[in-house]
Structures are given as C-alpha cells and as structure tokens.
C-alpha cells in the first residue's frame, strides 16, 4: 500500500514501513484497518525521513493500536546487523530502537540507535538518555516530548 511517499506492507501482525513520513504521507491511521487486533510490530528499517510534526500521526497510530488491546513494538534493524533475526511479536523485546535527538548547542539533529538493554530502566521511567552530539560532543536532548515518544516503553 502506498501512502504518499511511504510504502506500507502488512505481513500478519507486522507492519513494514519504507520511504518518507512527511506531509504527503497523509493519515497513518489508515493502516489500522489492515492490521489484526492484538500485538503488532512496526518495522521502520526502510524509513529514511520523518518530519517532526508527523510524529503526531505516528502517536495516533500507536495509540489506536494499543486501544485495541495489544502491545506495539517499534523496530529498526541496525545497518551493521542486517541478518539480525526478527523477534516477532511473541519473541524477545527489541534491543535496538531509533530516536530523534537535537543538540541544544549546535542545532544538529540525529537519529541515534538506543540499546534497550542498556537504557531500558531509564526509558521505562519516561526519561531519554543523554547522548553525545556527533558534531560538537555536547549532550543531546530528545527531539520530542518524552511522554509522547517514550510511551512505547511503559510497562
């Protein structure tokens, strides 16, 4: 299925997204009807761009999927580990997620990978870990409200 410049494929309880989540992506809520009730994995490995104001649409999608009684797992395979097995909905919790960060010192924006095993306790407390900016070395901040972005980690 094509939504603007975003390709969406549904494989059972797994939604695979590729392309850009921008103004052309429209309402991500259209995807809900194509997914079964219960636990869902959203694979964003192929997403190349997310416009910050489109995070509202993302959160509406996640909220609606959760509202049907399941857990939602966002997943992005690491580029250096393309053969990492897909844990599936019933498998272990994902160990790597991506997050949008902004550096208050130099304005750099980055999407680092967070190791959930390392930062899991902090993420479940709705606190984003401080990560160094790849440009200037200063501590970066999460690029959105923690309660919006980190709600995926709530127990």
C-alpha atoms as a PDB file:
ATOM      1  CA  UNK A   1       0.000   0.000   0.000  1.00  0.00           C
ATOM      2  CA  UNK A   2       1.289   3.465  -0.870  1.00  0.00           C
ATOM      3  CA  UNK A   3       0.549   6.483   1.340  1.00  0.00           C
ATOM      4  CA  UNK A   4       2.205   9.480  -0.286  1.00  0.00           C
ATOM      5  CA  UNK A   5       5.929   8.692  -0.374  1.00  0.00           C
ATOM      6  CA  UNK A   6       5.574   5.973   2.249  1.00  0.00           C
ATOM      7  CA  UNK A   7       5.275   2.292   1.353  1.00  0.00           C
ATOM      8  CA  UNK A   8       3.455   0.142   3.900  1.00  0.00           C
ATOM      9  CA  UNK A   9       3.363  -3.647   3.799  1.00  0.00           C
ATOM     10  CA  UNK A  10       1.404  -5.778   6.241  1.00  0.00           C
ATOM     11  CA  UNK A  11       2.675  -9.287   6.993  1.00  0.00           C
ATOM     12  CA  UNK A  12       0.335 -10.707   9.601  1.00  0.00           C
ATOM     13  CA  UNK A  13       0.938  -8.701  12.778  1.00  0.00           C
ATOM     14  CA  UNK A  14       3.986  -6.956  11.307  1.00  0.00           C
ATOM     15  CA  UNK A  15       3.819  -3.578   9.555  1.00  0.00           C
ATOM     16  CA  UNK A  16       6.864  -2.737   7.426  1.00  0.00           C
ATOM     17  CA  UNK A  17       7.318   0.936   6.523  1.00  0.00           C
ATOM     18  CA  UNK A  18       9.719   2.328   3.907  1.00  0.00           C
ATOM     19  CA  UNK A  19      10.175   5.807   2.481  1.00  0.00           C
ATOM     20  CA  UNK A  20       9.337   9.213   3.884  1.00  0.00           C
ATOM     21  CA  UNK A  21       6.860  10.111   6.627  1.00  0.00           C
ATOM     22  CA  UNK A  22       6.205  13.675   5.562  1.00  0.00           C
ATOM     23  CA  UNK A  23       3.225  15.849   4.579  1.00  0.00           C
ATOM     24  CA  UNK A  24       2.497  13.565   1.619  1.00  0.00           C
ATOM     25  CA  UNK A  25       2.119  10.558   3.951  1.00  0.00           C
ATOM     26  CA  UNK A  26      -1.412  11.566   4.931  1.00  0.00           C
ATOM     27  CA  UNK A  27      -3.107   9.869   7.846  1.00  0.00           C
ATOM     28  CA  UNK A  28      -1.185   6.883   9.151  1.00  0.00           C
ATOM     29  CA  UNK A  29      -4.404   5.838  10.871  1.00  0.00           C
ATOM     30  CA  UNK A  30      -5.482   4.334   7.537  1.00  0.00           C
ATOM     31  CA  UNK A  31      -3.169   1.430   8.343  1.00  0.00           C
ATOM     32  CA  UNK A  32      -5.126   0.317  11.416  1.00  0.00           C
ATOM     33  CA  UNK A  33      -7.792  -1.487   9.430  1.00  0.00           C
ATOM     34  CA  UNK A  34      -5.139  -3.604   7.714  1.00  0.00           C
ATOM     35  CA  UNK A  35      -3.616  -4.918  10.956  1.00  0.00           C
ATOM     36  CA  UNK A  36      -5.049  -7.616  13.217  1.00  0.00           C
ATOM     37  CA  UNK A  37      -6.099  -6.824  16.784  1.00  0.00           C
ATOM     38  CA  UNK A  38      -3.526  -7.693  19.444  1.00  0.00           C
ATOM     39  CA  UNK A  39       0.245  -7.302  19.461  1.00  0.00           C
ATOM     40  CA  UNK A  40       1.864  -5.563  16.472  1.00  0.00           C
ATOM     41  CA  UNK A  41       5.473  -4.980  15.373  1.00  0.00           C
ATOM     42  CA  UNK A  42       6.174  -1.867  13.291  1.00  0.00           C
ATOM     43  CA  UNK A  43       9.438  -2.184  11.342  1.00  0.00           C
ATOM     44  CA  UNK A  44      10.806   1.228  10.355  1.00  0.00           C
ATOM     45  CA  UNK A  45      14.085  -0.044   8.859  1.00  0.00           C
ATOM     46  CA  UNK A  46      13.217   1.462   5.484  1.00  0.00           C
ATOM     47  CA  UNK A  47      12.073   4.858   6.767  1.00  0.00           C
ATOM     48  CA  UNK A  48      14.510   7.473   5.503  1.00  0.00           C
ATOM     49  CA  UNK A  49      12.876  10.641   6.840  1.00  0.00           C
ATOM     50  CA  UNK A  50      10.305  11.632   9.452  1.00  0.00           C
ATOM     51  CA  UNK A  51       9.026  15.196   9.505  1.00  0.00           C
ATOM     52  CA  UNK A  52       8.786  16.186  13.170  1.00  0.00           C
ATOM     53  CA  UNK A  53       5.173  17.335  13.015  1.00  0.00           C
ATOM     54  CA  UNK A  54       4.210  13.937  11.545  1.00  0.00           C
ATOM     55  CA  UNK A  55       5.096  12.340  14.896  1.00  0.00           C
ATOM     56  CA  UNK A  56       1.540  13.254  15.963  1.00  0.00           C
ATOM     57  CA  UNK A  57       0.200  10.937  13.262  1.00  0.00           C
ATOM     58  CA  UNK A  58       2.636   8.255  14.416  1.00  0.00           C
ATOM     59  CA  UNK A  59       1.453   8.575  18.018  1.00  0.00           C
ATOM     60  CA  UNK A  60      -2.199   8.455  16.929  1.00  0.00           C
ATOM     61  CA  UNK A  61      -1.446   5.197  15.104  1.00  0.00           C
ATOM     62  CA  UNK A  62       0.316   3.711  18.141  1.00  0.00           C
ATOM     63  CA  UNK A  63      -2.457   4.892  20.498  1.00  0.00           C
ATOM     64  CA  UNK A  64      -5.167   3.389  18.271  1.00  0.00           C
ATOM     65  CA  UNK A  65      -3.323   0.066  18.000  1.00  0.00           C
ATOM     66  CA  UNK A  66      -2.879  -0.051  21.776  1.00  0.00           C
ATOM     67  CA  UNK A  67      -6.525   0.831  22.215  1.00  0.00           C
ATOM     68  CA  UNK A  68      -7.401  -2.471  20.575  1.00  0.00           C
ATOM     69  CA  UNK A  69      -5.769  -4.309  23.481  1.00  0.00           C
ATOM     70  CA  UNK A  70      -2.314  -5.143  22.161  1.00  0.00           C
ATOM     71  CA  UNK A  71       1.286  -4.091  22.598  1.00  0.00           C
ATOM     72  CA  UNK A  72       3.101  -2.150  19.890  1.00  0.00           C
ATOM     73  CA  UNK A  73       6.800  -2.690  19.271  1.00  0.00           C
ATOM     74  CA  UNK A  74       8.689  -0.273  17.043  1.00  0.00           C
ATOM     75  CA  UNK A  75      11.721  -1.846  15.477  1.00  0.00           C
ATOM     76  CA  UNK A  76      14.548  -0.775  13.214  1.00  0.00           C
ATOM     77  CA  UNK A  77      17.256  -3.178  12.159  1.00  0.00           C
ATOM     78  CA  UNK A  78      20.771  -1.891  12.612  1.00  0.00           C
ATOM     79  CA  UNK A  79      22.646  -1.258   9.383  1.00  0.00           C
ATOM     80  CA  UNK A  80      25.638  -3.207  10.715  1.00  0.00           C
ATOM     81  CA  UNK A  81      23.456  -6.212  11.604  1.00  0.00           C
ATOM     82  CA  UNK A  82      21.225  -6.877   8.583  1.00  0.00           C
ATOM     83  CA  UNK A  83      20.827 -10.563   9.435  1.00  0.00           C
ATOM     84  CA  UNK A  84      19.564  -9.941  12.958  1.00  0.00           C
ATOM     85  CA  UNK A  85      16.636 -12.316  13.410  1.00  0.00           C
ATOM     86  CA  UNK A  86      13.207 -10.738  13.659  1.00  0.00           C
ATOM     87  CA  UNK A  87      11.979 -11.426  17.190  1.00  0.00           C
ATOM     88  CA  UNK A  88       8.352 -11.365  16.055  1.00  0.00           C
ATOM     89  CA  UNK A  89       5.556 -10.323  18.324  1.00  0.00           C
ATOM     90  CA  UNK A  90       5.895 -13.319  20.646  1.00  0.00           C
ATOM     91  CA  UNK A  91       9.727 -13.217  20.843  1.00  0.00           C
ATOM     92  CA  UNK A  92      12.110 -11.230  22.997  1.00  0.00           C
ATOM     93  CA  UNK A  93      11.745  -7.491  23.337  1.00  0.00           C
ATOM     94  CA  UNK A  94      13.587  -5.451  20.740  1.00  0.00           C
ATOM     95  CA  UNK A  95      17.027  -4.439  21.845  1.00  0.00           C
ATOM     96  CA  UNK A  96      17.640  -1.531  19.476  1.00  0.00           C
ATOM     97  CA  UNK A  97      15.342   1.412  18.695  1.00  0.00           C
ATOM     98  CA  UNK A  98      15.923   4.722  16.953  1.00  0.00           C
ATOM     99  CA  UNK A  99      15.093   8.108  18.419  1.00  0.00           C
ATOM    100  CA  UNK A 100      15.138  11.666  17.126  1.00  0.00           C
ATOM    101  CA  UNK A 101      17.618  13.830  19.074  1.00  0.00           C
ATOM    102  CA  UNK A 102      18.521  17.532  18.823  1.00  0.00           C
ATOM    103  CA  UNK A 103      21.661  19.236  20.098  1.00  0.00           C
ATOM    104  CA  UNK A 104      20.869  22.446  22.020  1.00  0.00           C
ATOM    105  CA  UNK A 105      24.452  23.686  21.491  1.00  0.00           C
ATOM    106  CA  UNK A 106      24.897  23.428  17.718  1.00  0.00           C
ATOM    107  CA  UNK A 107      21.393  22.591  16.442  1.00  0.00           C
ATOM    108  CA  UNK A 108      22.445  19.266  14.922  1.00  0.00           C
ATOM    109  CA  UNK A 109      19.676  16.689  14.527  1.00  0.00           C
ATOM    110  CA  UNK A 110      20.491  12.988  14.683  1.00  0.00           C
ATOM    111  CA  UNK A 111      18.690   9.671  14.900  1.00  0.00           C
ATOM    112  CA  UNK A 112      20.922   7.503  17.074  1.00  0.00           C
ATOM    113  CA  UNK A 113      20.152   3.906  17.926  1.00  0.00           C
ATOM    114  CA  UNK A 114      19.346   3.251  21.579  1.00  0.00           C
ATOM    115  CA  UNK A 115      20.236  -0.080  23.146  1.00  0.00           C
ATOM    116  CA  UNK A 116      17.189  -1.004  25.219  1.00  0.00           C
ATOM    117  CA  UNK A 117      19.214  -3.446  27.317  1.00  0.00           C
ATOM    118  CA  UNK A 118      21.479  -0.571  28.384  1.00  0.00           C
ATOM    119  CA  UNK A 119      18.876   2.190  28.711  1.00  0.00           C
ATOM    120  CA  UNK A 120      15.699   0.151  29.377  1.00  0.00           C
ATOM    121  CA  UNK A 121      15.138   1.175  33.002  1.00  0.00           C
ATOM    122  CA  UNK A 122      15.576   4.850  32.131  1.00  0.00           C
ATOM    123  CA  UNK A 123      13.283   4.557  29.076  1.00  0.00           C
ATOM    124  CA  UNK A 124      10.541   2.874  31.125  1.00  0.00           C
ATOM    125  CA  UNK A 125      10.716   5.847  33.525  1.00  0.00           C
ATOM    126  CA  UNK A 126       9.963   8.058  30.504  1.00  0.00           C
ATOM    127  CA  UNK A 127      13.419   9.642  30.591  1.00  0.00           C
ATOM    128  CA  UNK A 128      15.572   9.786  27.477  1.00  0.00           C
ATOM    129  CA  UNK A 129      19.276   9.072  27.942  1.00  0.00           C
ATOM    130  CA  UNK A 130      21.628  11.977  27.264  1.00  0.00           C
ATOM    131  CA  UNK A 131      23.744  11.106  24.236  1.00  0.00           C
ATOM    132  CA  UNK A 132      26.752  12.999  22.858  1.00  0.00           C
ATOM    133  CA  UNK A 133      26.260  15.070  19.717  1.00  0.00           C
ATOM    134  CA  UNK A 134      28.289  13.621  16.824  1.00  0.00           C
ATOM    135  CA  UNK A 135      29.050  17.178  15.637  1.00  0.00           C
ATOM    136  CA  UNK A 136      30.151  19.038  18.789  1.00  0.00           C
ATOM    137  CA  UNK A 137      30.171  16.456  21.604  1.00  0.00           C
ATOM    138  CA  UNK A 138      27.584  18.255  23.780  1.00  0.00           C
ATOM    139  CA  UNK A 139      24.740  16.314  25.379  1.00  0.00           C
ATOM    140  CA  UNK A 140      21.766  15.983  23.009  1.00  0.00           C
ATOM    141  CA  UNK A 141      18.088  16.129  24.019  1.00  0.00           C
ATOM    142  CA  UNK A 142      15.214  14.026  22.760  1.00  0.00           C
ATOM    143  CA  UNK A 143      13.566  15.869  19.853  1.00  0.00           C
ATOM    144  CA  UNK A 144      10.019  15.479  21.206  1.00  0.00           C
ATOM    145  CA  UNK A 145       8.155  15.333  24.491  1.00  0.00           C
ATOM    146  CA  UNK A 146       9.373  12.197  26.308  1.00  0.00           C
ATOM    147  CA  UNK A 147       5.825  11.160  27.230  1.00  0.00           C
ATOM    148  CA  UNK A 148       4.924  11.098  23.527  1.00  0.00           C
ATOM    149  CA  UNK A 149       7.954   9.340  22.186  1.00  0.00           C
ATOM    150  CA  UNK A 150       8.824   7.045  25.076  1.00  0.00           C
ATOM    151  CA  UNK A 151       5.293   5.822  25.787  1.00  0.00           C
ATOM    152  CA  UNK A 152       6.236   2.675  23.850  1.00  0.00           C
ATOM    153  CA  UNK A 153       8.353   1.614  26.842  1.00  0.00           C
ATOM    154  CA  UNK A 154       5.726   1.967  29.528  1.00  0.00           C
ATOM    155  CA  UNK A 155       5.169  -1.281  31.342  1.00  0.00           C
END
